[in-house]
N, C-alpha and C. Protein backbone atom coordinates (compact mmCIF):
# COMPACT_ATOMS: atom_id res chain seq x y z
N MET A 1 28.77 -0.16 -50.75
CA MET A 1 27.72 -0.72 -49.92
C MET A 1 28.15 -0.65 -48.45
N PRO A 2 27.47 0.14 -47.61
CA PRO A 2 27.87 0.27 -46.21
C PRO A 2 27.54 -0.99 -45.43
N HIS A 3 28.38 -1.31 -44.49
CA HIS A 3 28.12 -2.48 -43.66
C HIS A 3 27.59 -2.04 -42.31
N ASP A 4 26.91 -2.96 -41.63
CA ASP A 4 26.35 -2.67 -40.31
C ASP A 4 27.49 -2.66 -39.29
N PRO A 5 27.69 -1.58 -38.55
CA PRO A 5 28.79 -1.55 -37.59
C PRO A 5 28.61 -2.51 -36.42
N ARG A 6 27.36 -2.82 -36.10
CA ARG A 6 27.11 -3.75 -35.00
C ARG A 6 27.00 -5.17 -35.52
N PRO A 7 27.43 -6.15 -34.74
CA PRO A 7 27.20 -7.55 -35.17
C PRO A 7 25.71 -7.87 -35.13
N ALA A 8 25.35 -8.91 -35.78
CA ALA A 8 23.94 -9.29 -35.83
C ALA A 8 23.43 -9.63 -34.44
N ARG A 9 22.16 -9.35 -34.22
CA ARG A 9 21.57 -9.60 -32.91
C ARG A 9 21.43 -11.09 -32.60
N ASN A 10 21.36 -11.92 -33.63
CA ASN A 10 21.13 -13.35 -33.38
C ASN A 10 22.44 -14.12 -33.26
N THR A 11 23.54 -13.44 -33.06
CA THR A 11 24.80 -14.14 -32.84
C THR A 11 25.32 -13.84 -31.45
N SER A 12 25.99 -14.77 -30.89
CA SER A 12 26.56 -14.62 -29.56
C SER A 12 28.03 -15.03 -29.63
N PHE A 13 28.85 -14.36 -28.86
CA PHE A 13 30.28 -14.65 -28.89
C PHE A 13 30.57 -16.07 -28.40
N ILE A 14 29.81 -16.50 -27.40
CA ILE A 14 30.13 -17.79 -26.78
C ILE A 14 29.48 -18.95 -27.54
N PHE A 15 28.17 -18.85 -27.78
CA PHE A 15 27.45 -19.99 -28.31
C PHE A 15 27.22 -19.93 -29.81
N GLY A 16 27.39 -18.76 -30.41
CA GLY A 16 27.12 -18.64 -31.82
C GLY A 16 25.67 -18.39 -32.14
N HIS A 17 24.85 -18.36 -31.12
CA HIS A 17 23.43 -18.02 -31.33
C HIS A 17 22.92 -17.34 -30.07
N SER A 18 21.82 -16.65 -30.21
CA SER A 18 21.24 -15.94 -29.09
C SER A 18 20.13 -16.77 -28.46
N ASP A 19 20.05 -16.71 -27.14
CA ASP A 19 18.96 -17.41 -26.47
C ASP A 19 17.62 -16.73 -26.71
N SER A 20 17.64 -15.48 -27.17
CA SER A 20 16.38 -14.76 -27.36
C SER A 20 15.53 -15.41 -28.45
N ARG A 21 16.17 -16.17 -29.35
CA ARG A 21 15.37 -16.87 -30.35
C ARG A 21 14.56 -17.97 -29.71
N TYR A 22 15.08 -18.55 -28.64
CA TYR A 22 14.41 -19.67 -27.99
C TYR A 22 13.59 -19.23 -26.79
N ARG A 23 14.01 -18.15 -26.13
CA ARG A 23 13.28 -17.65 -24.97
C ARG A 23 12.90 -16.20 -25.22
N PRO A 24 11.68 -15.93 -25.63
CA PRO A 24 11.29 -14.54 -25.89
C PRO A 24 11.24 -13.74 -24.59
N LEU A 25 11.14 -12.45 -24.72
CA LEU A 25 11.02 -11.59 -23.55
C LEU A 25 9.75 -11.92 -22.79
N LEU A 26 9.72 -11.55 -21.52
CA LEU A 26 8.54 -11.82 -20.70
C LEU A 26 7.32 -11.12 -21.28
N ASN A 27 6.22 -11.83 -21.32
CA ASN A 27 5.00 -11.18 -21.76
C ASN A 27 4.37 -10.43 -20.59
N GLN A 28 3.28 -9.73 -20.84
CA GLN A 28 2.69 -8.86 -19.82
C GLN A 28 2.23 -9.65 -18.61
N GLU A 29 1.66 -10.82 -18.83
CA GLU A 29 1.16 -11.63 -17.71
C GLU A 29 2.32 -12.07 -16.81
N GLU A 30 3.42 -12.51 -17.40
CA GLU A 30 4.57 -12.92 -16.59
C GLU A 30 5.18 -11.74 -15.86
N ARG A 31 5.22 -10.57 -16.53
CA ARG A 31 5.75 -9.37 -15.87
C ARG A 31 4.88 -8.96 -14.69
N ASP A 32 3.56 -9.05 -14.85
CA ASP A 32 2.65 -8.71 -13.75
C ASP A 32 2.84 -9.66 -12.57
N ARG A 33 2.96 -10.96 -12.89
CA ARG A 33 3.14 -11.95 -11.82
C ARG A 33 4.46 -11.71 -11.09
N LEU A 34 5.51 -11.44 -11.83
CA LEU A 34 6.81 -11.17 -11.22
C LEU A 34 6.76 -9.90 -10.37
N HIS A 35 6.05 -8.89 -10.84
CA HIS A 35 5.92 -7.66 -10.08
C HIS A 35 5.15 -7.89 -8.78
N ILE A 36 4.09 -8.69 -8.83
CA ILE A 36 3.32 -8.98 -7.62
C ILE A 36 4.19 -9.70 -6.60
N TRP A 37 4.96 -10.70 -7.05
CA TRP A 37 5.82 -11.43 -6.12
C TRP A 37 6.90 -10.53 -5.55
N SER A 38 7.47 -9.65 -6.36
CA SER A 38 8.51 -8.76 -5.84
C SER A 38 7.92 -7.79 -4.83
N MET A 39 6.68 -7.34 -5.03
CA MET A 39 6.04 -6.46 -4.06
C MET A 39 5.76 -7.20 -2.76
N ILE A 40 5.35 -8.47 -2.85
CA ILE A 40 5.11 -9.27 -1.64
C ILE A 40 6.41 -9.42 -0.86
N VAL A 41 7.50 -9.73 -1.55
CA VAL A 41 8.79 -9.89 -0.88
C VAL A 41 9.24 -8.57 -0.25
N ALA A 42 9.06 -7.47 -0.98
CA ALA A 42 9.47 -6.16 -0.45
C ALA A 42 8.66 -5.79 0.79
N LEU A 43 7.36 -6.01 0.75
CA LEU A 43 6.53 -5.67 1.91
C LEU A 43 6.83 -6.56 3.11
N SER A 44 7.06 -7.84 2.86
CA SER A 44 7.34 -8.75 3.99
C SER A 44 8.69 -8.45 4.63
N THR A 45 9.69 -8.15 3.82
CA THR A 45 10.99 -7.81 4.40
C THR A 45 10.93 -6.46 5.11
N SER A 46 10.13 -5.54 4.59
CA SER A 46 9.97 -4.26 5.26
C SER A 46 9.27 -4.44 6.60
N ALA A 47 8.25 -5.28 6.64
CA ALA A 47 7.54 -5.54 7.90
C ALA A 47 8.47 -6.24 8.90
N ALA A 48 9.26 -7.19 8.42
CA ALA A 48 10.19 -7.89 9.32
C ALA A 48 11.24 -6.92 9.86
N GLY A 49 11.76 -6.05 9.00
CA GLY A 49 12.75 -5.08 9.45
C GLY A 49 12.17 -4.10 10.45
N THR A 50 10.95 -3.65 10.22
CA THR A 50 10.29 -2.73 11.16
C THR A 50 10.06 -3.42 12.50
N THR A 51 9.65 -4.67 12.45
CA THR A 51 9.44 -5.43 13.68
C THR A 51 10.74 -5.58 14.47
N LEU A 52 11.82 -5.89 13.77
CA LEU A 52 13.11 -6.01 14.46
C LEU A 52 13.56 -4.68 15.05
N LEU A 53 13.35 -3.60 14.32
CA LEU A 53 13.72 -2.30 14.85
C LEU A 53 12.91 -1.93 16.08
N LEU A 54 11.60 -2.18 16.03
CA LEU A 54 10.75 -1.88 17.19
C LEU A 54 11.12 -2.75 18.39
N THR A 55 11.41 -4.01 18.13
CA THR A 55 11.80 -4.91 19.22
C THR A 55 13.10 -4.45 19.85
N ALA A 56 14.07 -4.06 19.03
CA ALA A 56 15.34 -3.60 19.57
C ALA A 56 15.17 -2.28 20.31
N PHE A 57 14.28 -1.42 19.82
CA PHE A 57 14.09 -0.11 20.45
C PHE A 57 13.39 -0.23 21.78
N LEU A 58 12.42 -1.17 21.89
CA LEU A 58 11.63 -1.29 23.10
C LEU A 58 12.33 -2.08 24.19
N ARG A 59 13.38 -2.77 23.88
CA ARG A 59 14.09 -3.54 24.91
C ARG A 59 15.13 -2.70 25.59
């Protein structure tokens, strides 16, 4: 009888259990919301960086 070379997915070295049983992966709605927020942060930091570059260039 062959054994599974990998340990079981529901075991963890530290805690003896996996958090994935208690916290499932992000669903589509949460992923969309996270993506929207990351795009807002990326655009705002890009705008701030462009503003700083233009300010430094024009002075």
